[in-house]
C-alpha cells in the first residue's frame, strides 16, 4: 500500500526538508507523493516531525477502512466507508472557529487535531482513497477546494470541509452561490482537475497569505521560496520575495530580486512603484510599506 519510492525520500535525515521537497518536486506529477511533499513543507515548521510516521498513519486509516469493508470492493461503497471513517468515527471536521490558524495548513496538525481547511482535509481524503484504488482527484474550485470521484458511470463532488458531503457535479452552482452570493455563474473551468503541484501551490499560497496578514515576514518568505520551487518564473512570487526580503532588512538581496522581477515583467503595471522601491533600497533607506504582497 505505501508508495514504492517513499523510503528513498525520507531515509536521509541529513538532508534538509527543502532539499527533499525539491527531490519530490522533480518527479512527474503522477509519481509525486502529495502527502510526503505536504509533510516536508510542514517539517520546516516542525523540525522533529517524522514524515514516515505520518505517512504510516495514513496507511493505518486506509487499512482500517479496508478491514471494515471485508471483501467489499464496490468503489462507491468504499468511498462511503472512507467518509464515514474520517468524519463519523474519527470526527474530522472543517475548522470554522479558526479558519486562518496556520496549523490548518500543516498536514501533521490536521491528522493530529482532526480539523483543517478544505484543501488539507481534501488531501487526507485523496491519500486514503488513493491507497484504496479509488478514482479520486482534486478540484481547484473557486474559494473552496473539492475532491471528485470520477467513476466510469458517475462523477461526484466531495466537500472536505462539510463533513465529506457528496453532491452531483450539476449541483456545483449551489456551492458557488454559498461563497459568492449568486454573483458568479458556474463555468466548466471551475471543475478542472488540480494537479498535485497545483495543490501544493495552493497550500503554500494559503500559508503565505496568513503570514503576510499577521506580519510574519520570515515565514511568509519561506512559503514564497517554496512556491518558486514549484513555479520558478512566477512574477508575482518573484516580486513578493523581493518585498519580503526588504522587510527582513536583507536589502541587497531584495534589490537583486526586484531587478529580476522587472526583467521578466518589463511592462508590469507596478513597474514605477517597484523602481521607487529599488531607489530607496539602494540608497540604504528602509522601505516602510506593504508593497502589495498578496
Protein backbone atom coordinates (compact mmCIF):
# COMPACT_ATOMS: atom_id res chain seq x y z
CA UNK A 1 0.00 0.00 0.00
CA UNK A 2 2.79 2.58 0.70
CA UNK A 3 4.34 4.24 -2.34
CA UNK A 4 7.44 2.38 -3.58
CA UNK A 5 9.72 5.43 -3.61
CA UNK A 6 8.83 6.66 -0.13
CA UNK A 7 11.72 5.19 1.83
CA UNK A 8 14.21 6.64 -0.61
CA UNK A 9 12.90 10.12 0.11
CA UNK A 10 12.62 10.10 3.87
CA UNK A 11 15.59 7.91 4.86
CA UNK A 12 18.16 10.71 4.50
CA UNK A 13 17.86 12.70 7.75
CA UNK A 14 20.96 14.71 6.93
CA UNK A 15 19.16 16.34 4.02
CA UNK A 16 17.05 19.44 4.74
CA UNK A 17 13.26 19.37 4.28
CA UNK A 18 13.63 21.82 1.41
CA UNK A 19 16.19 19.63 -0.34
CA UNK A 20 13.92 16.61 -0.01
CA UNK A 21 10.96 18.67 -1.20
CA UNK A 22 12.98 19.57 -4.29
CA UNK A 23 13.61 15.87 -4.89
CA UNK A 24 9.91 15.16 -4.61
CA UNK A 25 9.02 18.04 -6.94
CA UNK A 26 11.48 16.71 -9.52
CA UNK A 27 9.18 13.74 -10.11
CA UNK A 28 6.41 13.65 -12.66
CA UNK A 29 3.01 14.61 -11.28
CA UNK A 30 1.82 11.01 -11.37
CA UNK A 31 4.81 9.85 -9.30
CA UNK A 32 4.90 12.83 -6.92
CA UNK A 33 3.65 11.77 -3.49
CA UNK A 34 1.34 14.53 -2.33
CA UNK A 35 1.27 13.70 1.37
CA UNK A 36 5.05 13.34 1.53
CA UNK A 37 5.52 16.78 -0.09
CA UNK A 38 2.96 18.37 2.22
CA UNK A 39 4.69 16.88 5.26
CA UNK A 40 8.08 18.11 4.05
CA UNK A 41 6.53 21.59 3.88
CA UNK A 42 5.36 21.14 7.48
CA UNK A 43 8.77 19.87 8.57
CA UNK A 44 10.27 23.35 8.18
CA UNK A 45 7.91 24.45 10.95
CA UNK A 46 8.33 21.24 12.94
CA UNK A 47 11.97 20.10 12.55
CA UNK A 48 11.41 16.95 14.64
CA UNK A 49 8.44 15.83 12.54
CA UNK A 50 8.75 12.24 11.28
CA UNK A 51 7.44 12.21 7.71
CA UNK A 52 7.43 8.41 7.67
CA UNK A 53 5.37 8.25 10.86
CA UNK A 54 2.59 10.39 9.41
CA UNK A 55 2.63 8.52 6.12
CA UNK A 56 2.23 5.33 8.14
CA UNK A 57 -0.75 6.90 9.90
CA UNK A 58 -2.42 7.45 6.54
CA UNK A 59 -1.68 3.80 5.72
CA UNK A 60 -3.29 2.84 9.02
CA UNK A 61 -6.51 4.73 8.26
CA UNK A 62 -6.71 3.09 4.84
CA UNK A 63 -6.20 -0.33 6.44
CA UNK A 64 -8.95 0.45 8.96
CA UNK A 65 -11.33 1.21 6.08
CA UNK A 66 -10.28 -1.94 4.30
CA UNK A 67 -10.85 -4.06 7.40
CA UNK A 68 -14.38 -2.69 7.80
CA UNK A 69 -15.16 -3.42 4.18
CA UNK A 70 -14.13 -7.09 4.47
CA UNK A 71 -14.39 -8.34 0.88
CA UNK A 72 -16.49 -5.43 -0.43
CA UNK A 73 -14.81 -3.68 -3.35
CA UNK A 74 -17.61 -1.65 -4.99
CA UNK A 75 -16.00 1.80 -5.36
CA UNK A 76 -18.96 3.84 -4.11
CA UNK A 77 -19.26 1.68 -1.01
CA UNK A 78 -15.52 2.05 -0.41
CA UNK A 79 -15.87 5.82 -0.80
CA UNK A 80 -18.75 5.88 1.69
CA UNK A 81 -16.64 3.95 4.19
CA UNK A 82 -13.71 6.38 3.75
CA UNK A 83 -16.00 9.31 4.55
CA UNK A 84 -17.64 7.51 7.48
CA UNK A 85 -14.25 6.57 8.93
CA UNK A 86 -12.85 10.09 8.70
CA UNK A 87 -15.90 12.17 9.60
CA UNK A 88 -18.03 9.70 11.54
CA UNK A 89 -15.65 7.60 13.59
CA UNK A 90 -12.56 9.82 13.66
CA UNK A 91 -14.56 13.09 13.87
CA UNK A 92 -12.59 15.10 11.30
CA UNK A 93 -14.18 18.48 10.61
CA UNK A 94 -13.64 21.84 8.99
CA UNK A 95 -12.13 24.39 11.36
CA UNK A 96 -14.85 27.04 11.20
CA UNK A 97 -13.84 28.65 14.50
CA UNK A 98 -10.24 29.39 13.49
CA UNK A 99 -10.14 29.06 9.70
CA UNK A 100 -6.92 31.11 9.37
CA UNK A 101 -4.99 29.25 12.07
CA UNK A 102 -1.70 28.32 10.33
CA UNK A 103 -1.97 24.81 11.79
CA UNK A 104 -4.83 24.12 9.39
CA UNK A 105 -2.26 24.17 6.57
CA UNK A 106 0.12 21.63 8.11
CA UNK A 107 -0.86 18.05 7.29
CA UNK A 108 0.61 16.67 10.52
CA UNK A 109 -1.51 19.09 12.56
CA UNK A 110 -4.61 18.17 10.58
CA UNK A 111 -4.01 14.48 11.28
CA UNK A 112 -3.27 15.17 14.97
CA UNK A 113 -6.12 17.61 15.62
CA UNK A 114 -8.75 16.34 13.19
CA UNK A 115 -9.53 19.82 11.88
CA UNK A 116 -8.39 21.70 8.82
CA UNK A 117 -9.31 23.73 5.79
CA UNK A 118 -10.90 22.31 2.61
CA UNK A 119 -7.52 21.75 0.97
CA UNK A 120 -5.78 19.84 3.75
CA UNK A 121 -8.87 17.80 4.60
CA UNK A 122 -9.16 17.11 0.88
CA UNK A 123 -5.58 15.88 0.83
CA UNK A 124 -6.43 13.40 3.57
CA UNK A 125 -9.42 12.08 1.60
CA UNK A 126 -7.32 11.81 -1.55
CA UNK A 127 -4.48 9.98 0.16
CA UNK A 128 -6.79 7.48 1.86
CA UNK A 129 -8.79 6.99 -1.32
CA UNK A 130 -5.71 6.50 -3.50
CA UNK A 131 -4.44 3.83 -1.11
CA UNK A 132 -7.73 2.02 -1.73
CA UNK A 133 -7.56 2.46 -5.51
CA UNK A 134 -10.46 4.92 -5.67
CA UNK A 135 -10.59 7.19 -8.76
CA UNK A 136 -10.28 10.45 -6.84
CA UNK A 137 -8.87 13.78 -7.99
CA UNK A 138 -8.54 17.26 -6.56
CA UNK A 139 -10.62 20.14 -7.92
CA UNK A 140 -9.43 23.75 -7.62
CA UNK A 141 -12.95 25.09 -7.14
CA UNK A 142 -13.02 28.87 -6.53
CA UNK A 143 -12.55 29.63 -2.86
CA UNK A 144 -13.27 26.07 -1.75
CA UNK A 145 -11.17 23.05 -2.66
CA UNK A 146 -13.17 19.93 -3.56
CA UNK A 147 -12.46 16.26 -4.23
CA UNK A 148 -14.04 14.49 -7.19
CA UNK A 149 -14.92 10.83 -7.52
CA UNK A 150 -14.55 10.15 -11.23
CA UNK A 151 -16.07 6.73 -11.81
CA UNK A 152 -16.95 5.06 -15.06
CA UNK A 153 -20.68 5.58 -14.51
CA UNK A 154 -20.91 8.61 -12.24
CA UNK A 155 -18.92 11.69 -11.21
CA UNK A 156 -19.44 13.10 -7.74
CA UNK A 157 -18.09 16.07 -5.79
CA UNK A 158 -16.99 15.63 -2.19
CA UNK A 159 -16.86 18.64 0.12
CA UNK A 160 -13.99 18.02 2.59
CA UNK A 161 -14.99 21.00 4.73
CA UNK A 162 -18.63 19.98 5.11
CA UNK A 163 -18.30 16.54 6.62
CA UNK A 164 -17.45 14.91 3.30
CA UNK A 165 -20.88 15.78 1.88
CA UNK A 166 -21.39 14.36 -1.60
CA UNK A 167 -23.03 16.22 -4.47
CA UNK A 168 -23.52 15.63 -8.16
CA UNK A 169 -21.50 17.88 -10.44
CA UNK A 170 -24.62 19.70 -11.63
CA UNK A 171 -25.10 20.94 -8.05
CA UNK A 172 -21.79 22.84 -8.11
CA UNK A 173 -23.62 26.15 -8.67
CA UNK A 174 -25.12 25.81 -5.20
CA UNK A 175 -21.62 25.60 -3.71
CA UNK A 176 -20.54 28.61 -5.72
CA UNK A 177 -23.58 30.58 -4.52
CA UNK A 178 -22.70 29.82 -0.90
CA UNK A 179 -19.36 31.53 -1.32
CA UNK A 180 -20.21 34.30 -3.76
CA UNK A 181 -23.88 35.05 -3.10
CA UNK A 182 -25.10 34.08 -6.55
CA UNK A 183 -22.91 36.68 -8.26
CA UNK A 184 -20.78 34.23 -10.27
CA UNK A 185 -22.23 31.76 -12.82
CA UNK A 186 -20.76 28.28 -12.96
CA UNK A 187 -18.06 27.68 -15.58
CA UNK A 188 -16.57 24.36 -16.70
CA UNK A 189 -13.07 25.60 -15.81
CA UNK A 190 -14.10 25.74 -12.14
CA UNK A 191 -14.23 21.93 -12.11
CA UNK A 192 -10.95 21.14 -13.82
CA UNK A 193 -8.56 18.69 -12.20
CA UNK A 194 -6.00 20.12 -9.78
CA UNK A 195 -2.56 18.60 -10.29
CA UNK A 196 -0.53 17.68 -7.23
CA UNK A 197 1.77 20.65 -7.88
CA UNK A 198 -1.24 22.95 -8.06
CA UNK A 199 -2.48 21.60 -4.74
CA UNK A 200 0.90 22.21 -3.14
CA UNK A 201 1.00 25.70 -4.64
CA UNK A 202 -2.47 26.40 -3.24
CA UNK A 203 -1.30 25.16 0.16
CA UNK A 204 1.75 27.44 0.14
CA UNK A 205 -0.29 30.39 -1.16
CA UNK A 206 -2.66 29.95 1.78
CA UNK A 207 0.30 29.93 4.17
CA UNK A 208 1.83 32.98 2.52
CA UNK A 209 -1.43 34.91 2.86
CA UNK A 210 -1.82 34.03 6.53
CA UNK A 211 1.75 35.00 7.42
CA UNK A 212 1.66 38.25 5.44
CA UNK A 213 -1.55 39.19 7.22
CA UNK A 214 -0.07 38.66 10.68
CA UNK A 215 3.22 40.34 9.75
CA UNK A 216 5.43 37.25 9.95
CA UNK A 217 7.76 38.08 7.05
CA UNK A 218 10.17 35.22 7.78
CA UNK A 219 7.55 32.52 7.44
CA UNK A 220 5.88 34.29 4.51
CA UNK A 221 9.25 34.35 2.74
CA UNK A 222 9.70 30.62 3.34
CA UNK A 223 6.31 29.99 1.73
CA UNK A 224 7.19 32.18 -1.26
CA UNK A 225 10.55 30.50 -1.77
CA UNK A 226 8.88 27.10 -1.91
CA UNK A 227 6.26 28.47 -4.30
CA UNK A 228 9.17 29.47 -6.54
CA UNK A 229 10.40 25.88 -6.37
CA UNK A 230 7.12 24.88 -7.99
CA UNK A 231 6.94 27.81 -10.44
CA UNK A 232 10.44 29.35 -10.70
CA UNK A 233 9.39 32.12 -13.10
CA UNK A 234 6.16 33.21 -11.39
CA UNK A 235 6.34 37.04 -11.48
CA UNK A 236 4.01 37.55 -8.51
CA UNK A 237 6.16 35.36 -6.27
CA UNK A 238 9.38 36.92 -7.56
CA UNK A 239 8.03 40.33 -6.58
CA UNK A 240 6.77 39.05 -3.23
CA UNK A 241 10.16 37.56 -2.42
CA UNK A 242 11.86 40.91 -3.07
CA UNK A 243 9.43 42.79 -0.85
CA UNK A 244 9.68 40.27 1.98
CA UNK A 245 13.48 40.31 1.81
CA UNK A 246 13.29 44.09 2.15
CA UNK A 247 11.05 43.80 5.19
CA UNK A 248 13.60 41.49 6.76
CA UNK A 249 16.38 44.03 6.20
CA UNK A 250 18.12 41.96 3.50
CA UNK A 251 18.30 44.96 1.20
CA UNK A 252 20.93 43.79 -1.29
CA UNK A 253 19.09 40.51 -1.89
CA UNK A 254 15.81 42.39 -2.12
CA UNK A 255 17.20 44.76 -4.74
CA UNK A 256 18.54 41.88 -6.85
CA UNK A 257 15.22 40.08 -6.62
CA UNK A 258 13.17 43.14 -7.61
CA UNK A 259 15.53 43.84 -10.52
CA UNK A 260 14.99 40.26 -11.67
CA UNK A 261 11.24 40.79 -11.38
CA UNK A 262 11.41 43.86 -13.62
CA UNK A 263 13.49 41.99 -16.18
CA UNK A 264 10.87 39.24 -16.55
CA UNK A 265 7.94 41.69 -16.26
CA UNK A 266 9.09 44.79 -18.16
CA UNK A 267 5.53 46.01 -18.71
CA UNK A 268 4.24 45.34 -15.21
CA UNK A 269 1.63 47.84 -14.02
CA UNK A 270 3.60 48.41 -10.82
CA UNK A 271 6.91 48.99 -12.61
CA UNK A 272 7.20 52.60 -11.41
CA UNK A 273 6.39 51.64 -7.86
CA UNK A 274 8.99 48.87 -7.83
CA UNK A 275 11.59 51.20 -9.34
CA UNK A 276 10.94 53.64 -6.49
CA UNK A 277 11.43 50.83 -4.00
CA UNK A 278 14.71 49.92 -5.67
CA UNK A 279 15.97 53.50 -5.38
CA UNK A 280 15.14 53.51 -1.67
CA UNK A 281 16.85 50.17 -1.12
CA UNK A 282 20.00 51.18 -2.98
CA UNK A 283 20.15 54.39 -1.01
CA UNK A 284 20.12 52.33 2.17
CA UNK A 285 16.74 53.61 3.28
CA UNK A 286 14.14 51.47 4.94
CA UNK A 287 11.19 50.53 2.76
CA UNK A 288 8.24 51.01 5.07
CA UNK A 289 5.23 49.85 3.08
CA UNK A 290 3.49 46.61 2.27
CA UNK A 291 4.36 46.54 -1.42
CA UNK A 292 1.13 44.79 -2.17
CA UNK A 293 2.37 41.35 -1.14
CA UNK A 294 -0.54 39.01 -1.68
